[in-house]
Each structure stands twice: as structure tokens, then as C-alpha cells.
């Protein structure tokens, strides 16, 4: 009997993706509890995400 093969590529450290996702989720929870924001990269640019869901581009020093 032939077994079906899974064509999805396997990651060497699959746990790392799960850990990174959980860390991001925890950061959102902490930001909401402390009424602060988180900063991360989106589409090659840094952004701030506020607890209410607003996402604002992070400005560089000296920009208005």
C-alpha cells in the first residue's frame, strides 16, 4: 500500500516559527494591558501598532 506524501517543505527548526508567533501575540497582549504599542516591520518599514488596532508608520528622527 502506497502512502500519500506531504509536499509541504519541512523546516529544520519548526518550533522556531511557532515560538516567534507566540512571542508576537504575547507582545500584543502586554501592549493592550499597559496601554502602549508594539513596533515591528511591515512591508519593509517600521510601524507602531496600538491596542485599538491602529497601525502608524514609525517616523525617523528629524522627520515631521
PDB file of N, CA and C in Angstrom:
ATOM      1  N   UNK A   1       0.836  -1.182   0.000  1.00  0.00           N
ATOM      2  CA  UNK A   1       0.000   0.000   0.000  1.00  0.00           C
ATOM      3  C   UNK A   1       0.882   1.247   0.000  1.00  0.00           C
ATOM      4  N   UNK A   2       0.587   2.162  -0.914  1.00  0.00           N
ATOM      5  CA  UNK A   2       1.368   3.386  -1.031  1.00  0.00           C
ATOM      6  C   UNK A   2       0.850   4.450  -0.070  1.00  0.00           C
ATOM      7  N   UNK A   3       1.772   5.141   0.564  1.00  0.00           N
ATOM      8  CA  UNK A   3       1.407   6.222   1.469  1.00  0.00           C
ATOM      9  C   UNK A   3       1.434   7.535   0.708  1.00  0.00           C
ATOM     10  N   UNK A   4       0.503   8.413   1.046  1.00  0.00           N
ATOM     11  CA  UNK A   4       0.487   9.730   0.420  1.00  0.00           C
ATOM     12  C   UNK A   4       1.633  10.557   0.973  1.00  0.00           C
ATOM     13  N   UNK A   5       2.300  11.277   0.086  1.00  0.00           N
ATOM     14  CA  UNK A   5       3.422  12.114   0.512  1.00  0.00           C
ATOM     15  C   UNK A   5       2.936  13.537   0.730  1.00  0.00           C
ATOM     16  N   UNK A   6       3.443  14.145   1.755  1.00  0.00           N
ATOM     17  CA  UNK A   6       3.142  15.535   2.046  1.00  0.00           C
ATOM     18  C   UNK A   6       4.151  16.388   1.295  1.00  0.00           C
ATOM     19  N   UNK A   7       3.675  17.269   0.408  1.00  0.00           N
ATOM     20  CA  UNK A   7       4.563  18.077  -0.428  1.00  0.00           C
ATOM     21  C   UNK A   7       5.008  19.371   0.229  1.00  0.00           C
ATOM     22  N   UNK A   8       4.571  19.622   1.462  1.00  0.00           N
ATOM     23  CA  UNK A   8       4.985  20.834   2.160  1.00  0.00           C
ATOM     24  C   UNK A   8       6.435  20.699   2.609  1.00  0.00           C
ATOM     25  N   UNK A   9       7.238  21.756   2.401  1.00  0.00           N
ATOM     26  CA  UNK A   9       8.633  21.681   2.854  1.00  0.00           C
ATOM     27  C   UNK A   9       8.705  21.663   4.371  1.00  0.00           C
ATOM     28  N   UNK A  10       9.585  20.861   4.900  1.00  0.00           N
ATOM     29  CA  UNK A  10       9.772  20.783   6.356  1.00  0.00           C
ATOM     30  C   UNK A  10      10.878  21.744   6.759  1.00  0.00           C
ATOM     31  N   UNK A  11      10.658  22.442   7.855  1.00  0.00           N
ATOM     32  CA  UNK A  11      11.678  23.340   8.395  1.00  0.00           C
ATOM     33  C   UNK A  11      12.559  22.548   9.336  1.00  0.00           C
ATOM     34  N   UNK A  12      13.815  22.908   9.352  1.00  0.00           N
ATOM     35  CA  UNK A  12      14.739  22.234  10.245  1.00  0.00           C
ATOM     36  C   UNK A  12      14.374  22.512  11.702  1.00  0.00           C
ATOM     37  N   UNK A  13      14.009  23.753  11.982  1.00  0.00           N
ATOM     38  CA  UNK A  13      13.623  24.145  13.344  1.00  0.00           C
ATOM     39  C   UNK A  13      12.184  24.647  13.305  1.00  0.00           C
ATOM     40  N   UNK A  14      11.254  23.745  13.131  1.00  0.00           N
ATOM     41  CA  UNK A  14       9.848  24.095  13.006  1.00  0.00           C
ATOM     42  C   UNK A  14       9.320  24.815  14.251  1.00  0.00           C
ATOM     43  N   UNK A  15       9.848  24.461  15.408  1.00  0.00           N
ATOM     44  CA  UNK A  15       9.413  25.075  16.657  1.00  0.00           C
ATOM     45  C   UNK A  15       9.694  26.571  16.684  1.00  0.00           C
ATOM     46  N   UNK A  16      10.686  27.025  15.915  1.00  0.00           N
ATOM     47  CA  UNK A  16      11.075  28.433  15.934  1.00  0.00           C
ATOM     48  C   UNK A  16       9.966  29.333  15.390  1.00  0.00           C
ATOM     49  N   UNK A  17       9.297  28.902  14.335  1.00  0.00           N
ATOM     50  CA  UNK A  17       8.199  29.692  13.781  1.00  0.00           C
ATOM     51  C   UNK A  17       7.062  29.825  14.789  1.00  0.00           C
ATOM     52  N   UNK A  18       6.753  28.734  15.464  1.00  0.00           N
ATOM     53  CA  UNK A  18       5.686  28.749  16.458  1.00  0.00           C
ATOM     54  C   UNK A  18       6.064  29.663  17.626  1.00  0.00           C
ATOM     55  N   UNK A  19       7.306  29.596  18.059  1.00  0.00           N
ATOM     56  CA  UNK A  19       7.788  30.414  19.172  1.00  0.00           C
ATOM     57  C   UNK A  19       7.718  31.900  18.800  1.00  0.00           C
ATOM     58  N   UNK A  20       8.139  32.256  17.590  1.00  0.00           N
ATOM     59  CA  UNK A  20       8.111  33.655  17.154  1.00  0.00           C
ATOM     60  C   UNK A  20       6.678  34.181  17.100  1.00  0.00           C
ATOM     61  N   UNK A  21       5.755  33.363  16.613  1.00  0.00           N
ATOM     62  CA  UNK A  21       4.350  33.772  16.551  1.00  0.00           C
ATOM     63  C   UNK A  21       3.789  33.990  17.955  1.00  0.00           C
ATOM     64  N   UNK A  22       4.106  33.091  18.871  1.00  0.00           N
ATOM     65  CA  UNK A  22       3.613  33.220  20.243  1.00  0.00           C
ATOM     66  C   UNK A  22       4.200  34.453  20.920  1.00  0.00           C
ATOM     67  N   UNK A  23       5.450  34.789  20.621  1.00  0.00           N
ATOM     68  CA  UNK A  23       6.093  35.974  21.193  1.00  0.00           C
ATOM     69  C   UNK A  23       5.388  37.238  20.720  1.00  0.00           C
ATOM     70  N   UNK A  24       5.043  37.297  19.443  1.00  0.00           N
ATOM     71  CA  UNK A  24       4.323  38.448  18.907  1.00  0.00           C
ATOM     72  C   UNK A  24       2.941  38.602  19.519  1.00  0.00           C
ATOM     73  N   UNK A  25       2.255  37.472  19.695  1.00  0.00           N
ATOM     74  CA  UNK A  25       0.935  37.514  20.319  1.00  0.00           C
ATOM     75  C   UNK A  25       1.033  38.006  21.755  1.00  0.00           C
ATOM     76  N   UNK A  26       2.067  37.553  22.468  1.00  0.00           N
ATOM     77  CA  UNK A  26       2.267  37.981  23.854  1.00  0.00           C
ATOM     78  C   UNK A  26       2.565  39.478  23.920  1.00  0.00           C
ATOM     79  N   UNK A  27       3.319  40.000  22.966  1.00  0.00           N
ATOM     80  CA  UNK A  27       3.634  41.432  22.928  1.00  0.00           C
ATOM     81  C   UNK A  27       2.358  42.247  22.755  1.00  0.00           C
ATOM     82  N   UNK A  28       1.446  41.773  21.900  1.00  0.00           N
ATOM     83  CA  UNK A  28       0.172  42.473  21.709  1.00  0.00           C
ATOM     84  C   UNK A  28      -0.647  42.480  23.002  1.00  0.00           C
ATOM     85  N   UNK A  29      -0.671  41.352  23.698  1.00  0.00           N
ATOM     86  CA  UNK A  29      -1.417  41.264  24.958  1.00  0.00           C
ATOM     87  C   UNK A  29      -0.842  42.227  25.987  1.00  0.00           C
ATOM     88  N   UNK A  30       0.489  42.244  26.110  1.00  0.00           N
ATOM     89  CA  UNK A  30       1.140  43.145  27.065  1.00  0.00           C
ATOM     90  C   UNK A  30       0.897  44.610  26.711  1.00  0.00           C
ATOM     91  N   UNK A  31       0.945  44.938  25.419  1.00  0.00           N
ATOM     92  CA  UNK A  31       0.713  46.320  24.995  1.00  0.00           C
ATOM     93  C   UNK A  31      -0.706  46.748  25.330  1.00  0.00           C
ATOM     94  N   UNK A  32      -1.659  45.853  25.134  1.00  0.00           N
ATOM     95  CA  UNK A  32      -3.044  46.185  25.452  1.00  0.00           C
ATOM     96  C   UNK A  32      -3.221  46.377  26.952  1.00  0.00           C
ATOM     97  N   UNK A  33      -2.611  45.507  27.757  1.00  0.00           N
ATOM     98  CA  UNK A  33      -2.737  45.598  29.218  1.00  0.00           C
ATOM     99  C   UNK A  33      -2.092  46.866  29.762  1.00  0.00           C
ATOM    100  N   UNK A  34      -1.015  47.331  29.132  1.00  0.00           N
ATOM    101  CA  UNK A  34      -0.287  48.504  29.614  1.00  0.00           C
ATOM    102  C   UNK A  34      -0.575  49.769  28.820  1.00  0.00           C
ATOM    103  N   UNK A  35      -1.534  49.683  27.896  1.00  0.00           N
ATOM    104  CA  UNK A  35      -1.910  50.807  27.037  1.00  0.00           C
ATOM    105  C   UNK A  35      -0.693  51.427  26.340  1.00  0.00           C
ATOM    106  N   UNK A  36       0.114  50.580  25.737  1.00  0.00           N
ATOM    107  CA  UNK A  36       1.278  51.022  24.960  1.00  0.00           C
ATOM    108  C   UNK A  36       1.139  50.468  23.544  1.00  0.00           C
ATOM    109  N   UNK A  37       2.200  50.494  22.787  1.00  0.00           N
ATOM    110  CA  UNK A  37       2.172  49.990  21.415  1.00  0.00           C
ATOM    111  C   UNK A  37       3.326  49.022  21.205  1.00  0.00           C
ATOM    112  N   UNK A  38       3.265  48.285  20.090  1.00  0.00           N
ATOM    113  CA  UNK A  38       4.388  47.431  19.702  1.00  0.00           C
ATOM    114  C   UNK A  38       4.938  47.961  18.387  1.00  0.00           C
ATOM    115  N   UNK A  39       6.197  47.691  18.136  1.00  0.00           N
ATOM    116  CA  UNK A  39       6.853  48.119  16.902  1.00  0.00           C
ATOM    117  C   UNK A  39       7.335  46.874  16.181  1.00  0.00           C
ATOM    118  N   UNK A  40       7.063  46.821  14.879  1.00  0.00           N
ATOM    119  CA  UNK A  40       7.539  45.710  14.067  1.00  0.00           C
ATOM    120  C   UNK A  40       7.673  46.165  12.618  1.00  0.00           C
ATOM    121  N   UNK A  41       8.251  45.311  11.794  1.00  0.00           N
ATOM    122  CA  UNK A  41       8.460  45.636  10.393  1.00  0.00           C
ATOM    123  C   UNK A  41       7.318  45.089   9.559  1.00  0.00           C
ATOM    124  N   UNK A  42       6.778  45.938   8.700  1.00  0.00           N
ATOM    125  CA  UNK A  42       5.698  45.543   7.803  1.00  0.00           C
ATOM    126  C   UNK A  42       5.989  46.139   6.435  1.00  0.00           C
ATOM    127  N   UNK A  43       6.081  45.303   5.447  1.00  0.00           N
ATOM    128  CA  UNK A  43       6.387  45.743   4.074  1.00  0.00           C
ATOM    129  C   UNK A  43       7.685  46.547   4.009  1.00  0.00           C
ATOM    130  N   UNK A  44       8.674  46.148   4.787  1.00  0.00           N
ATOM    131  CA  UNK A  44       9.985  46.790   4.747  1.00  0.00           C
ATOM    132  C   UNK A  44      10.094  48.077   5.542  1.00  0.00           C
ATOM    133  N   UNK A  45       9.040  48.478   6.247  1.00  0.00           N
ATOM    134  CA  UNK A  45       9.072  49.710   7.033  1.00  0.00           C
ATOM    135  C   UNK A  45       8.646  49.414   8.457  1.00  0.00           C
ATOM    136  N   UNK A  46       9.191  50.163   9.409  1.00  0.00           N
ATOM    137  CA  UNK A  46       8.803  50.005  10.805  1.00  0.00           C
ATOM    138  C   UNK A  46       7.465  50.686  11.051  1.00  0.00           C
ATOM    139  N   UNK A  47       6.606  50.014  11.809  1.00  0.00           N
ATOM    140  CA  UNK A  47       5.298  50.558  12.141  1.00  0.00           C
ATOM    141  C   UNK A  47       5.018  50.387  13.629  1.00  0.00           C
ATOM    142  N   UNK A  48       4.132  51.238  14.149  1.00  0.00           N
ATOM    143  CA  UNK A  48       3.633  51.107  15.523  1.00  0.00           C
ATOM    144  C   UNK A  48       2.217  50.557  15.424  1.00  0.00           C
ATOM    145  N   UNK A  49       1.909  49.560  16.257  1.00  0.00           N
ATOM    146  CA  UNK A  49       0.538  49.053  16.329  1.00  0.00           C
ATOM    147  C   UNK A  49       0.008  49.319  17.728  1.00  0.00           C
ATOM    148  N   UNK A  50      -1.079  50.064  17.797  1.00  0.00           N
ATOM    149  CA  UNK A  50      -1.689  50.434  19.059  1.00  0.00           C
ATOM    150  C   UNK A  50      -2.731  49.398  19.473  1.00  0.00           C
ATOM    151  N   UNK A  51      -3.084  49.347  20.753  1.00  0.00           N
ATOM    152  CA  UNK A  51      -4.051  48.357  21.233  1.00  0.00           C
ATOM    153  C   UNK A  51      -5.414  48.430  20.542  1.00  0.00           C
ATOM    154  N   UNK A  52      -5.795  49.600  20.024  1.00  0.00           N
ATOM    155  CA  UNK A  52      -7.089  49.735  19.352  1.00  0.00           C
ATOM    156  C   UNK A  52      -7.049  49.264  17.895  1.00  0.00           C
ATOM    157  N   UNK A  53      -5.872  48.802  17.443  1.00  0.00           N
ATOM    158  CA  UNK A  53      -5.738  48.271  16.088  1.00  0.00           C
ATOM    159  C   UNK A  53      -5.157  49.251  15.088  1.00  0.00           C
ATOM    160  N   UNK A  54      -4.981  50.510  15.474  1.00  0.00           N
ATOM    161  CA  UNK A  54      -4.385  51.495  14.564  1.00  0.00           C
ATOM    162  C   UNK A  54      -2.932  51.138  14.291  1.00  0.00           C
ATOM    163  N   UNK A  55      -2.540  51.210  13.024  1.00  0.00           N
ATOM    164  CA  UNK A  55      -1.153  50.963  12.622  1.00  0.00           C
ATOM    165  C   UNK A  55      -0.629  52.232  11.970  1.00  0.00           C
ATOM    166  N   UNK A  56       0.450  52.773  12.547  1.00  0.00           N
ATOM    167  CA  UNK A  56       1.016  54.051  12.105  1.00  0.00           C
ATOM    168  C   UNK A  56       2.480  53.833  11.744  1.00  0.00           C
ATOM    169  N   UNK A  57       2.943  54.371  10.585  1.00  0.00           N
ATOM    170  CA  UNK A  57       4.363  54.253  10.245  1.00  0.00           C
ATOM    171  C   UNK A  57       5.230  54.957  11.283  1.00  0.00           C
ATOM    172  N   UNK A  58       6.350  54.346  11.629  1.00  0.00           N
ATOM    173  CA  UNK A  58       7.284  54.933  12.579  1.00  0.00           C
ATOM    174  C   UNK A  58       8.153  55.923  11.816  1.00  0.00           C
ATOM    175  N   UNK A  59       8.187  57.153  12.291  1.00  0.00           N
ATOM    176  CA  UNK A  59       8.964  58.189  11.605  1.00  0.00           C
ATOM    177  C   UNK A  59      10.392  58.162  12.104  1.00  0.00           C
ATOM    178  N   UNK A  60      11.304  58.461  11.186  1.00  0.00           N
ATOM    179  CA  UNK A  60      12.721  58.542  11.544  1.00  0.00           C
ATOM    180  C   UNK A  60      12.988  59.851  12.269  1.00  0.00           C
ATOM    181  N   UNK A  61      14.085  59.914  13.028  1.00  0.00           N
ATOM    182  CA  UNK A  61      14.451  61.136  13.731  1.00  0.00           C
ATOM    183  C   UNK A  61      14.591  62.292  12.735  1.00  0.00           C
ATOM    184  N   UNK A  62      14.023  63.408  13.084  1.00  0.00           N
ATOM    185  CA  UNK A  62      14.144  64.593  12.250  1.00  0.00           C
ATOM    186  C   UNK A  62      13.023  64.752  11.239  1.00  0.00           C
ATOM    187  N   UNK A  63      12.203  63.710  11.014  1.00  0.00           N
ATOM    188  CA  UNK A  63      11.094  63.840  10.079  1.00  0.00           C
ATOM    189  C   UNK A  63       9.871  64.344  10.813  1.00  0.00           C
ATOM    190  N   UNK A  64       9.015  65.060  10.093  1.00  0.00           N
ATOM    191  CA  UNK A  64       7.785  65.569  10.700  1.00  0.00           C
ATOM    192  C   UNK A  64       6.583  64.806  10.240  1.00  0.00           C
TER     193      UNK A  64
END
